[in-house]
Amino acid sequence: MIGLDDLRTARTLLFVPGSAPDRFPKAAAIRADIVVIDLEDAVAADRKSVAREAAAEWIANGGRAIVRINAVDTRWHTADVDMAADLRVPVMLAKTGDPAHVNAVYARTGAPVLPLIETASGVASATSIASRPGVARLAFGSIDYANELGVDPTDRESLLLTRSMLVLASATAGVAPPVDGVTTALNDPAALTDDVAYAARIGLPAKLCIHPRQVAPVHAALAPTEDEIAWADRVVAAARIDGDAVAVDGHMVDAPVVARAERILATARR
């Protein structure tokens, strides 16, 4: 079963349509950190029940995944939550716009919740949402959000403030950094890599993926470089010798610097 720590340390979350159960084991074999069985956007209205039943069957038989459930204002939401509660499976909550949405889902399921922030109301309430019990981390639904604002989702400048707000909200709430939204280009690994590097640079070190071939490039883009690993080794080694502030490569090293070095080495070990 996927737990809170799995969600908080994940680099890749790979969507697979709930209406395509033949793809569930294929998605699992890709070795994304988290498989997300999608009951929302990827499933037509007349296939929602079938998708929910397929997801429940696969997870009940040992399949390792979370589910993206439909938003609270849809007619499918209650049944989705009931299924998640029966299995105690973590959920990605579509279009989370209010902390009360998270409270209700967590109270019913008792499982971790990953709020998908994809509306202006969700962004405005991001700190309160991230602070709710059961929240693993926030995820950015950049496509829907940009559509609501009437901006191009690929225009980084137009969404920089929002991404930064989600990073700040997560830090304020004490949860893991947010997961960045999807890159819709399926055959352009260079564009994907650039998107991932940009998002990580501003504080979003994880990615929503919509195709299996996006997973490996994301992992590669998020891996520390050899120079970063060597620097982190030197910092940690120096800190072990002298617990006080020391100098490494001509720069002061104190507790926050050591913590950053330890994060780099932990990522490298993965």
C-alpha atoms as a PDB file:
ATOM      1  CA  MET A   1       0.000   0.000   0.000  1.00  0.00           C
ATOM      2  CA  ILE A   2       1.202   3.487  -0.836  1.00  0.00           C
ATOM      3  CA  GLY A   3       1.781   5.571   2.257  1.00  0.00           C
ATOM      4  CA  LEU A   4       2.378   9.182   3.190  1.00  0.00           C
ATOM      5  CA  ASP A   5       6.156   8.945   2.847  1.00  0.00           C
ATOM      6  CA  ASP A   6       5.836   7.452  -0.649  1.00  0.00           C
ATOM      7  CA  LEU A   7       3.746  10.402  -1.784  1.00  0.00           C
ATOM      8  CA  ARG A   8       5.966  12.992  -0.148  1.00  0.00           C
ATOM      9  CA  THR A   9       9.161  11.673  -1.740  1.00  0.00           C
ATOM     10  CA  ALA A  10       7.768  10.808  -5.189  1.00  0.00           C
ATOM     11  CA  ARG A  11       9.369  12.391  -8.242  1.00  0.00           C
ATOM     12  CA  THR A  12       6.973  11.036 -10.864  1.00  0.00           C
ATOM     13  CA  LEU A  13       3.219  10.479 -10.726  1.00  0.00           C
ATOM     14  CA  LEU A  14       2.036   8.678 -13.866  1.00  0.00           C
ATOM     15  CA  PHE A  15      -1.619   8.899 -14.908  1.00  0.00           C
ATOM     16  CA  VAL A  16      -3.373   5.902 -16.443  1.00  0.00           C
ATOM     17  CA  PRO A  17      -7.064   6.011 -17.463  1.00  0.00           C
ATOM     18  CA  GLY A  18      -9.338   4.076 -15.144  1.00  0.00           C
ATOM     19  CA  SER A  19     -11.308   2.930 -18.169  1.00  0.00           C
ATOM     20  CA  ALA A  20      -8.253   1.097 -19.549  1.00  0.00           C
ATOM     21  CA  PRO A  21      -7.471  -1.621 -16.964  1.00  0.00           C
ATOM     22  CA  ASP A  22      -5.198  -3.430 -19.427  1.00  0.00           C
ATOM     23  CA  ARG A  23      -2.796  -0.502 -18.987  1.00  0.00           C
ATOM     24  CA  PHE A  24      -2.617  -0.722 -15.173  1.00  0.00           C
ATOM     25  CA  PRO A  25       0.108  -3.403 -15.024  1.00  0.00           C
ATOM     26  CA  LYS A  26       1.939  -1.745 -17.924  1.00  0.00           C
ATOM     27  CA  ALA A  27       1.994   1.549 -16.022  1.00  0.00           C
ATOM     28  CA  ALA A  28       3.261  -0.223 -12.905  1.00  0.00           C
ATOM     29  CA  ALA A  29       6.072  -1.820 -14.908  1.00  0.00           C
ATOM     30  CA  ILE A  30       7.348   1.602 -16.028  1.00  0.00           C
ATOM     31  CA  ARG A  31       8.599   2.176 -12.472  1.00  0.00           C
ATOM     32  CA  ALA A  32       7.151   5.603 -11.969  1.00  0.00           C
ATOM     33  CA  ASP A  33       7.259   6.439  -8.285  1.00  0.00           C
ATOM     34  CA  ILE A  34       3.456   6.585  -8.130  1.00  0.00           C
ATOM     35  CA  VAL A  35       0.805   5.272 -10.536  1.00  0.00           C
ATOM     36  CA  VAL A  36      -2.363   7.386 -10.533  1.00  0.00           C
ATOM     37  CA  ILE A  37      -5.478   5.644 -11.815  1.00  0.00           C
ATOM     38  CA  ASP A  38      -7.526   8.483 -13.245  1.00  0.00           C
ATOM     39  CA  LEU A  39     -11.277   8.490 -12.688  1.00  0.00           C
ATOM     40  CA  GLU A  40     -11.647  12.124 -13.724  1.00  0.00           C
ATOM     41  CA  ASP A  41     -10.565  13.873 -16.937  1.00  0.00           C
ATOM     42  CA  ALA A  42      -9.370  10.742 -18.746  1.00  0.00           C
ATOM     43  CA  VAL A  43     -12.728   8.961 -18.361  1.00  0.00           C
ATOM     44  CA  ALA A  44     -15.920   9.777 -20.250  1.00  0.00           C
ATOM     45  CA  ALA A  45     -19.078  10.338 -18.216  1.00  0.00           C
ATOM     46  CA  ASP A  46     -20.679   7.077 -19.303  1.00  0.00           C
ATOM     47  CA  ARG A  47     -17.556   5.102 -18.279  1.00  0.00           C
ATOM     48  CA  LYS A  48     -17.104   6.472 -14.764  1.00  0.00           C
ATOM     49  CA  SER A  49     -18.667   3.500 -12.960  1.00  0.00           C
ATOM     50  CA  VAL A  50     -16.779   0.977 -15.056  1.00  0.00           C
ATOM     51  CA  ALA A  51     -13.501   2.806 -14.421  1.00  0.00           C
ATOM     52  CA  ARG A  52     -14.150   2.954 -10.677  1.00  0.00           C
ATOM     53  CA  GLU A  53     -14.876  -0.770 -10.523  1.00  0.00           C
ATOM     54  CA  ALA A  54     -11.765  -1.596 -12.554  1.00  0.00           C
ATOM     55  CA  ALA A  55      -9.581   0.518 -10.281  1.00  0.00           C
ATOM     56  CA  ALA A  56     -11.066  -1.033  -7.149  1.00  0.00           C
ATOM     57  CA  GLU A  57     -10.547  -4.567  -8.452  1.00  0.00           C
ATOM     58  CA  TRP A  58      -6.936  -3.984  -9.434  1.00  0.00           C
ATOM     59  CA  ILE A  59      -5.997  -2.302  -6.147  1.00  0.00           C
ATOM     60  CA  ALA A  60      -7.869  -4.893  -4.075  1.00  0.00           C
ATOM     61  CA  ASN A  61      -5.829  -7.608  -5.807  1.00  0.00           C
ATOM     62  CA  GLY A  62      -2.535  -6.007  -4.862  1.00  0.00           C
ATOM     63  CA  GLY A  63      -2.077  -3.335  -7.513  1.00  0.00           C
ATOM     64  CA  ARG A  64      -0.042  -0.428  -6.178  1.00  0.00           C
ATOM     65  CA  ALA A  65      -1.645   2.897  -7.114  1.00  0.00           C
ATOM     66  CA  ILE A  66      -3.574   5.909  -5.914  1.00  0.00           C
ATOM     67  CA  VAL A  67      -6.723   7.214  -7.599  1.00  0.00           C
ATOM     68  CA  ARG A  68      -7.602  10.635  -8.931  1.00  0.00           C
ATOM     69  CA  ILE A  69     -11.211  11.100  -7.918  1.00  0.00           C
ATOM     70  CA  ASN A  70     -13.788  13.451  -9.346  1.00  0.00           C
ATOM     71  CA  ALA A  71     -14.357  16.882  -7.838  1.00  0.00           C
ATOM     72  CA  VAL A  72     -16.760  17.434  -4.950  1.00  0.00           C
ATOM     73  CA  ASP A  73     -19.362  19.137  -7.119  1.00  0.00           C
ATOM     74  CA  THR A  74     -19.769  16.180  -9.494  1.00  0.00           C
ATOM     75  CA  ARG A  75     -22.258  13.347  -9.278  1.00  0.00           C
ATOM     76  CA  TRP A  76     -19.456  10.770  -9.176  1.00  0.00           C
ATOM     77  CA  HIS A  77     -17.586  12.166  -6.198  1.00  0.00           C
ATOM     78  CA  THR A  78     -19.400  10.332  -3.392  1.00  0.00           C
ATOM     79  CA  ALA A  79     -19.027   6.919  -5.035  1.00  0.00           C
ATOM     80  CA  ASP A  80     -15.349   7.608  -5.692  1.00  0.00           C
ATOM     81  CA  VAL A  81     -14.776   8.498  -2.042  1.00  0.00           C
ATOM     82  CA  ASP A  82     -16.689   5.423  -0.874  1.00  0.00           C
ATOM     83  CA  MET A  83     -14.456   3.209  -3.012  1.00  0.00           C
ATOM     84  CA  ALA A  84     -11.304   4.865  -1.649  1.00  0.00           C
ATOM     85  CA  ALA A  85     -12.614   4.455   1.901  1.00  0.00           C
ATOM     86  CA  ASP A  86     -13.308   0.751   1.391  1.00  0.00           C
ATOM     87  CA  LEU A  87      -9.741   0.200   0.195  1.00  0.00           C
ATOM     88  CA  ARG A  88      -8.077   2.916   2.294  1.00  0.00           C
ATOM     89  CA  VAL A  89      -6.326   4.020  -0.869  1.00  0.00           C
ATOM     90  CA  PRO A  90      -4.778   7.498  -1.130  1.00  0.00           C
ATOM     91  CA  VAL A  91      -6.562   9.917  -3.431  1.00  0.00           C
ATOM     92  CA  MET A  92      -5.682  12.839  -5.641  1.00  0.00           C
ATOM     93  CA  LEU A  93      -8.614  15.193  -5.231  1.00  0.00           C
ATOM     94  CA  ALA A  94      -9.455  16.991  -8.462  1.00  0.00           C
ATOM     95  CA  LYS A  95     -10.165  20.717  -8.388  1.00  0.00           C
ATOM     96  CA  THR A  96      -9.602  21.179  -4.678  1.00  0.00           C
ATOM     97  CA  GLY A  97     -10.823  24.683  -3.962  1.00  0.00           C
ATOM     98  CA  ASP A  98     -11.562  24.680  -0.245  1.00  0.00           C
ATOM     99  CA  PRO A  99      -9.950  23.125   2.862  1.00  0.00           C
ATOM    100  CA  ALA A 100     -13.354  21.631   3.698  1.00  0.00           C
ATOM    101  CA  HIS A 101     -13.059  19.433   0.599  1.00  0.00           C
ATOM    102  CA  VAL A 102      -9.942  17.818   2.034  1.00  0.00           C
ATOM    103  CA  ASN A 103     -11.452  17.510   5.516  1.00  0.00           C
ATOM    104  CA  ALA A 104     -14.441  15.603   4.185  1.00  0.00           C
ATOM    105  CA  VAL A 105     -12.414  13.199   2.061  1.00  0.00           C
ATOM    106  CA  TYR A 106      -9.855  12.476   4.764  1.00  0.00           C
ATOM    107  CA  ALA A 107     -12.532  11.974   7.416  1.00  0.00           C
ATOM    108  CA  ARG A 108     -14.204   9.363   5.192  1.00  0.00           C
ATOM    109  CA  THR A 109     -11.143   7.530   3.870  1.00  0.00           C
ATOM    110  CA  GLY A 110      -8.503   7.911   6.579  1.00  0.00           C
ATOM    111  CA  ALA A 111      -5.951   7.755   3.752  1.00  0.00           C
ATOM    112  CA  PRO A 112      -3.509  10.417   2.502  1.00  0.00           C
ATOM    113  CA  VAL A 113      -4.907  13.119   0.246  1.00  0.00           C
ATOM    114  CA  LEU A 114      -3.044  14.860  -2.548  1.00  0.00           C
ATOM    115  CA  PRO A 115      -5.048  18.008  -3.390  1.00  0.00           C
ATOM    116  CA  LEU A 116      -4.868  18.988  -7.049  1.00  0.00           C
ATOM    117  CA  ILE A 117      -4.810  22.783  -7.200  1.00  0.00           C
ATOM    118  CA  GLU A 118      -6.230  23.795 -10.569  1.00  0.00           C
ATOM    119  CA  THR A 119      -8.563  26.704  -9.861  1.00  0.00           C
ATOM    120  CA  ALA A 120      -8.124  30.283  -8.686  1.00  0.00           C
ATOM    121  CA  SER A 121      -9.999  29.475  -5.474  1.00  0.00           C
ATOM    122  CA  GLY A 122      -7.626  26.590  -4.818  1.00  0.00           C
ATOM    123  CA  VAL A 123      -4.586  28.802  -5.273  1.00  0.00           C
ATOM    124  CA  ALA A 124      -6.069  31.469  -2.977  1.00  0.00           C
ATOM    125  CA  SER A 125      -6.653  28.811  -0.289  1.00  0.00           C
ATOM    126  CA  ALA A 126      -3.457  26.843  -0.900  1.00  0.00           C
ATOM    127  CA  THR A 127      -1.891  27.351   2.531  1.00  0.00           C
ATOM    128  CA  SER A 128      -5.076  26.355   4.338  1.00  0.00           C
ATOM    129  CA  ILE A 129      -5.526  23.348   2.051  1.00  0.00           C
ATOM    130  CA  ALA A 130      -1.939  22.192   2.530  1.00  0.00           C
ATOM    131  CA  SER A 131      -2.339  22.509   6.312  1.00  0.00           C
ATOM    132  CA  ARG A 132      -5.242  20.063   6.537  1.00  0.00           C
ATOM    133  CA  PRO A 133      -4.655  16.723   8.310  1.00  0.00           C
ATOM    134  CA  GLY A 134      -3.885  13.927   5.879  1.00  0.00           C
ATOM    135  CA  VAL A 135      -2.428  16.119   3.140  1.00  0.00           C
ATOM    136  CA  ALA A 136       0.697  14.602   1.599  1.00  0.00           C
ATOM    137  CA  ARG A 137       1.575  17.506  -0.672  1.00  0.00           C
ATOM    138  CA  LEU A 138      -0.026  19.756  -3.278  1.00  0.00           C
ATOM    139  CA  ALA A 139      -0.073  19.145  -7.029  1.00  0.00           C
ATOM    140  CA  PHE A 140      -0.490  21.839  -9.661  1.00  0.00           C
ATOM    141  CA  GLY A 141      -3.172  21.332 -12.312  1.00  0.00           C
ATOM    142  CA  SER A 142      -1.604  23.860 -14.633  1.00  0.00           C
ATOM    143  CA  ILE A 143      -3.698  23.155 -17.735  1.00  0.00           C
ATOM    144  CA  ASP A 144      -7.102  23.678 -16.100  1.00  0.00           C
ATOM    145  CA  TYR A 145      -5.799  26.605 -14.081  1.00  0.00           C
ATOM    146  CA  ALA A 146      -4.362  28.390 -17.115  1.00  0.00           C
ATOM    147  CA  ASN A 147      -7.643  27.813 -18.950  1.00  0.00           C
ATOM    148  CA  GLU A 148      -9.560  29.478 -16.113  1.00  0.00           C
ATOM    149  CA  LEU A 149      -7.218  32.462 -16.228  1.00  0.00           C
ATOM    150  CA  GLY A 150      -7.223  32.615 -20.015  1.00  0.00           C
ATOM    151  CA  VAL A 151      -3.439  32.291 -20.333  1.00  0.00           C
ATOM    152  CA  ASP A 152      -1.121  29.935 -22.187  1.00  0.00           C
ATOM    153  CA  PRO A 153      -0.152  27.041 -19.853  1.00  0.00           C
ATOM    154  CA  THR A 154       3.276  26.889 -21.489  1.00  0.00           C
ATOM    155  CA  ASP A 155       3.974  30.545 -20.686  1.00  0.00           C
ATOM    156  CA  ARG A 156       6.166  30.265 -17.626  1.00  0.00           C
ATOM    157  CA  GLU A 157       5.993  33.944 -16.773  1.00  0.00           C
ATOM    158  CA  SER A 158       2.205  33.901 -16.543  1.00  0.00           C
ATOM    159  CA  LEU A 159       2.259  31.005 -14.044  1.00  0.00           C
ATOM    160  CA  LEU A 160       5.424  31.847 -12.097  1.00  0.00           C
ATOM    161  CA  LEU A 161       3.552  33.622  -9.317  1.00  0.00           C
ATOM    162  CA  THR A 162       1.161  30.697  -8.904  1.00  0.00           C
ATOM    163  CA  ARG A 163       3.915  28.106  -8.800  1.00  0.00           C
ATOM    164  CA  SER A 164       5.760  30.193  -6.225  1.00  0.00           C
ATOM    165  CA  MET A 165       2.594  30.558  -4.146  1.00  0.00           C
ATOM    166  CA  LEU A 166       2.205  26.773  -4.042  1.00  0.00           C
ATOM    167  CA  VAL A 167       5.846  26.364  -3.021  1.00  0.00           C
ATOM    168  CA  LEU A 168       5.409  28.936  -0.235  1.00  0.00           C
ATOM    169  CA  ALA A 169       2.105  27.405   0.878  1.00  0.00           C
ATOM    170  CA  SER A 170       3.696  23.970   1.120  1.00  0.00           C
ATOM    171  CA  ALA A 171       6.636  25.245   3.145  1.00  0.00           C
ATOM    172  CA  THR A 172       4.336  27.205   5.442  1.00  0.00           C
ATOM    173  CA  ALA A 173       2.197  24.115   6.044  1.00  0.00           C
ATOM    174  CA  GLY A 174       5.231  21.901   6.583  1.00  0.00           C
ATOM    175  CA  VAL A 175       4.403  19.448   3.799  1.00  0.00           C
ATOM    176  CA  ALA A 176       6.563  18.219   0.921  1.00  0.00           C
ATOM    177  CA  PRO A 177       7.197  20.557  -2.031  1.00  0.00           C
ATOM    178  CA  PRO A 178       4.461  20.586  -4.679  1.00  0.00           C
ATOM    179  CA  VAL A 179       4.242  18.436  -7.788  1.00  0.00           C
ATOM    180  CA  ASP A 180       4.396  20.373 -11.051  1.00  0.00           C
ATOM    181  CA  GLY A 181       1.736  20.049 -13.744  1.00  0.00           C
ATOM    182  CA  VAL A 182       1.908  18.055 -16.946  1.00  0.00           C
ATOM    183  CA  THR A 183       3.935  18.711 -20.068  1.00  0.00           C
ATOM    184  CA  THR A 184       1.585  17.928 -22.950  1.00  0.00           C
ATOM    185  CA  ALA A 185       4.361  17.393 -25.522  1.00  0.00           C
ATOM    186  CA  LEU A 186       4.665  13.624 -25.809  1.00  0.00           C
ATOM    187  CA  ASN A 187       7.448  13.432 -28.393  1.00  0.00           C
ATOM    188  CA  ASP A 188       9.746  16.201 -27.238  1.00  0.00           C
ATOM    189  CA  PRO A 189      12.004  14.939 -24.415  1.00  0.00           C
ATOM    190  CA  ALA A 190      14.081  18.115 -24.577  1.00  0.00           C
ATOM    191  CA  ALA A 191      11.029  20.249 -23.806  1.00  0.00           C
ATOM    192  CA  LEU A 192      10.053  17.906 -20.982  1.00  0.00           C
ATOM    193  CA  THR A 193      13.536  17.978 -19.488  1.00  0.00           C
ATOM    194  CA  ASP A 194      13.597  21.756 -19.674  1.00  0.00           C
ATOM    195  CA  ASP A 195      10.188  22.006 -17.982  1.00  0.00           C
ATOM    196  CA  VAL A 196      11.296  19.698 -15.176  1.00  0.00           C
ATOM    197  CA  ALA A 197      14.573  21.557 -14.603  1.00  0.00           C
ATOM    198  CA  TYR A 198      12.767  24.902 -14.518  1.00  0.00           C
ATOM    199  CA  ALA A 199      10.131  23.693 -12.058  1.00  0.00           C
ATOM    200  CA  ALA A 200      12.714  22.097  -9.784  1.00  0.00           C
ATOM    201  CA  ARG A 201      14.749  25.294  -9.785  1.00  0.00           C
ATOM    202  CA  ILE A 202      11.820  27.254  -8.360  1.00  0.00           C
ATOM    203  CA  GLY A 203      10.808  24.599  -5.823  1.00  0.00           C
ATOM    204  CA  LEU A 204       8.655  21.949  -7.528  1.00  0.00           C
ATOM    205  CA  PRO A 205      10.854  18.811  -7.608  1.00  0.00           C
ATOM    206  CA  ALA A 206       8.246  16.357  -8.900  1.00  0.00           C
ATOM    207  CA  LYS A 207       6.147  15.956 -12.040  1.00  0.00           C
ATOM    208  CA  LEU A 208       2.730  14.769 -13.174  1.00  0.00           C
ATOM    209  CA  CYS A 209       3.290  12.498 -16.192  1.00  0.00           C
ATOM    210  CA  ILE A 210       0.737  11.613 -18.846  1.00  0.00           C
ATOM    211  CA  HIS A 211       2.703   9.043 -20.841  1.00  0.00           C
ATOM    212  CA  PRO A 212       5.046   6.229 -19.781  1.00  0.00           C
ATOM    213  CA  ARG A 213       7.898   7.545 -21.869  1.00  0.00           C
ATOM    214  CA  GLN A 214       7.947  10.745 -19.816  1.00  0.00           C
ATOM    215  CA  VAL A 215       9.003   8.950 -16.631  1.00  0.00           C
ATOM    216  CA  ALA A 216      12.661   8.180 -17.377  1.00  0.00           C
ATOM    217  CA  PRO A 217      13.484  11.692 -18.639  1.00  0.00           C
ATOM    218  CA  VAL A 218      11.913  13.215 -15.521  1.00  0.00           C
ATOM    219  CA  HIS A 219      13.963  10.987 -13.235  1.00  0.00           C
ATOM    220  CA  ALA A 220      17.101  11.846 -15.192  1.00  0.00           C
ATOM    221  CA  ALA A 221      16.378  15.584 -15.061  1.00  0.00           C
ATOM    222  CA  LEU A 222      15.849  15.476 -11.298  1.00  0.00           C
ATOM    223  CA  ALA A 223      18.973  13.427 -10.547  1.00  0.00           C
ATOM    224  CA  PRO A 224      21.832  15.370  -8.938  1.00  0.00           C
ATOM    225  CA  THR A 225      24.876  15.962 -11.128  1.00  0.00           C
ATOM    226  CA  GLU A 226      28.241  14.425 -10.299  1.00  0.00           C
ATOM    227  CA  ASP A 227      29.498  17.850  -9.218  1.00  0.00           C
ATOM    228  CA  GLU A 228      26.525  18.311  -6.878  1.00  0.00           C
ATOM    229  CA  ILE A 229      27.066  14.881  -5.325  1.00  0.00           C
ATOM    230  CA  ALA A 230      30.788  15.533  -4.853  1.00  0.00           C
ATOM    231  CA  TRP A 231      30.028  18.895  -3.210  1.00  0.00           C
ATOM    232  CA  ALA A 232      27.440  17.304  -0.925  1.00  0.00           C
ATOM    233  CA  ASP A 233      29.909  14.586   0.098  1.00  0.00           C
ATOM    234  CA  ARG A 234      32.485  17.221   1.032  1.00  0.00           C
ATOM    235  CA  VAL A 235      29.957  19.217   3.036  1.00  0.00           C
ATOM    236  CA  VAL A 236      28.648  16.235   4.992  1.00  0.00           C
ATOM    237  CA  ALA A 237      32.165  14.971   5.639  1.00  0.00           C
ATOM    238  CA  ALA A 238      33.260  18.374   6.934  1.00  0.00           C
ATOM    239  CA  ALA A 239      30.210  18.624   9.174  1.00  0.00           C
ATOM    240  CA  ARG A 240      30.978  15.234  10.726  1.00  0.00           C
ATOM    241  CA  ILE A 241      34.499  16.329  11.610  1.00  0.00           C
ATOM    242  CA  ASP A 242      33.437  19.644  13.104  1.00  0.00           C
ATOM    243  CA  GLY A 243      29.843  20.163  14.165  1.00  0.00           C
ATOM    244  CA  ASP A 244      30.242  23.933  14.220  1.00  0.00           C
ATOM    245  CA  ALA A 245      30.134  26.173  11.147  1.00  0.00           C
ATOM    246  CA  VAL A 246      33.023  25.295   8.821  1.00  0.00           C
ATOM    247  CA  ALA A 247      34.232  26.335   5.382  1.00  0.00           C
ATOM    248  CA  VAL A 248      34.038  24.112   2.299  1.00  0.00           C
ATOM    249  CA  ASP A 249      35.379  25.287  -1.057  1.00  0.00           C
ATOM    250  CA  GLY A 250      35.728  28.767   0.427  1.00  0.00           C
ATOM    251  CA  HIS A 251      32.081  28.997   1.510  1.00  0.00           C
ATOM    252  CA  MET A 252      30.598  28.880   4.987  1.00  0.00           C
ATOM    253  CA  VAL A 253      28.798  25.673   5.857  1.00  0.00           C
ATOM    254  CA  ASP A 254      26.240  25.600   8.665  1.00  0.00           C
ATOM    255  CA  ALA A 255      23.153  23.554   9.467  1.00  0.00           C
ATOM    256  CA  PRO A 256      20.937  24.664   6.520  1.00  0.00           C
ATOM    257  CA  VAL A 257      23.757  23.977   4.060  1.00  0.00           C
ATOM    258  CA  VAL A 258      24.338  20.545   5.554  1.00  0.00           C
ATOM    259  CA  ALA A 259      20.616  19.804   5.293  1.00  0.00           C
ATOM    260  CA  ARG A 260      20.685  20.687   1.589  1.00  0.00           C
ATOM    261  CA  ALA A 261      23.719  18.445   1.066  1.00  0.00           C
ATOM    262  CA  GLU A 262      21.972  15.572   2.821  1.00  0.00           C
ATOM    263  CA  ARG A 263      18.912  16.010   0.582  1.00  0.00           C
ATOM    264  CA  ILE A 264      21.124  15.846  -2.507  1.00  0.00           C
ATOM    265  CA  LEU A 265      22.746  12.635  -1.315  1.00  0.00           C
ATOM    266  CA  ALA A 266      19.383  11.109  -0.422  1.00  0.00           C
ATOM    267  CA  THR A 267      18.108  11.883  -3.921  1.00  0.00           C
ATOM    268  CA  ALA A 268      21.262  10.413  -5.447  1.00  0.00           C
ATOM    269  CA  ARG A 269      20.790   7.184  -3.494  1.00  0.00           C
ATOM    270  CA  ARG A 270      17.327   6.775  -4.982  1.00  0.00           C
END
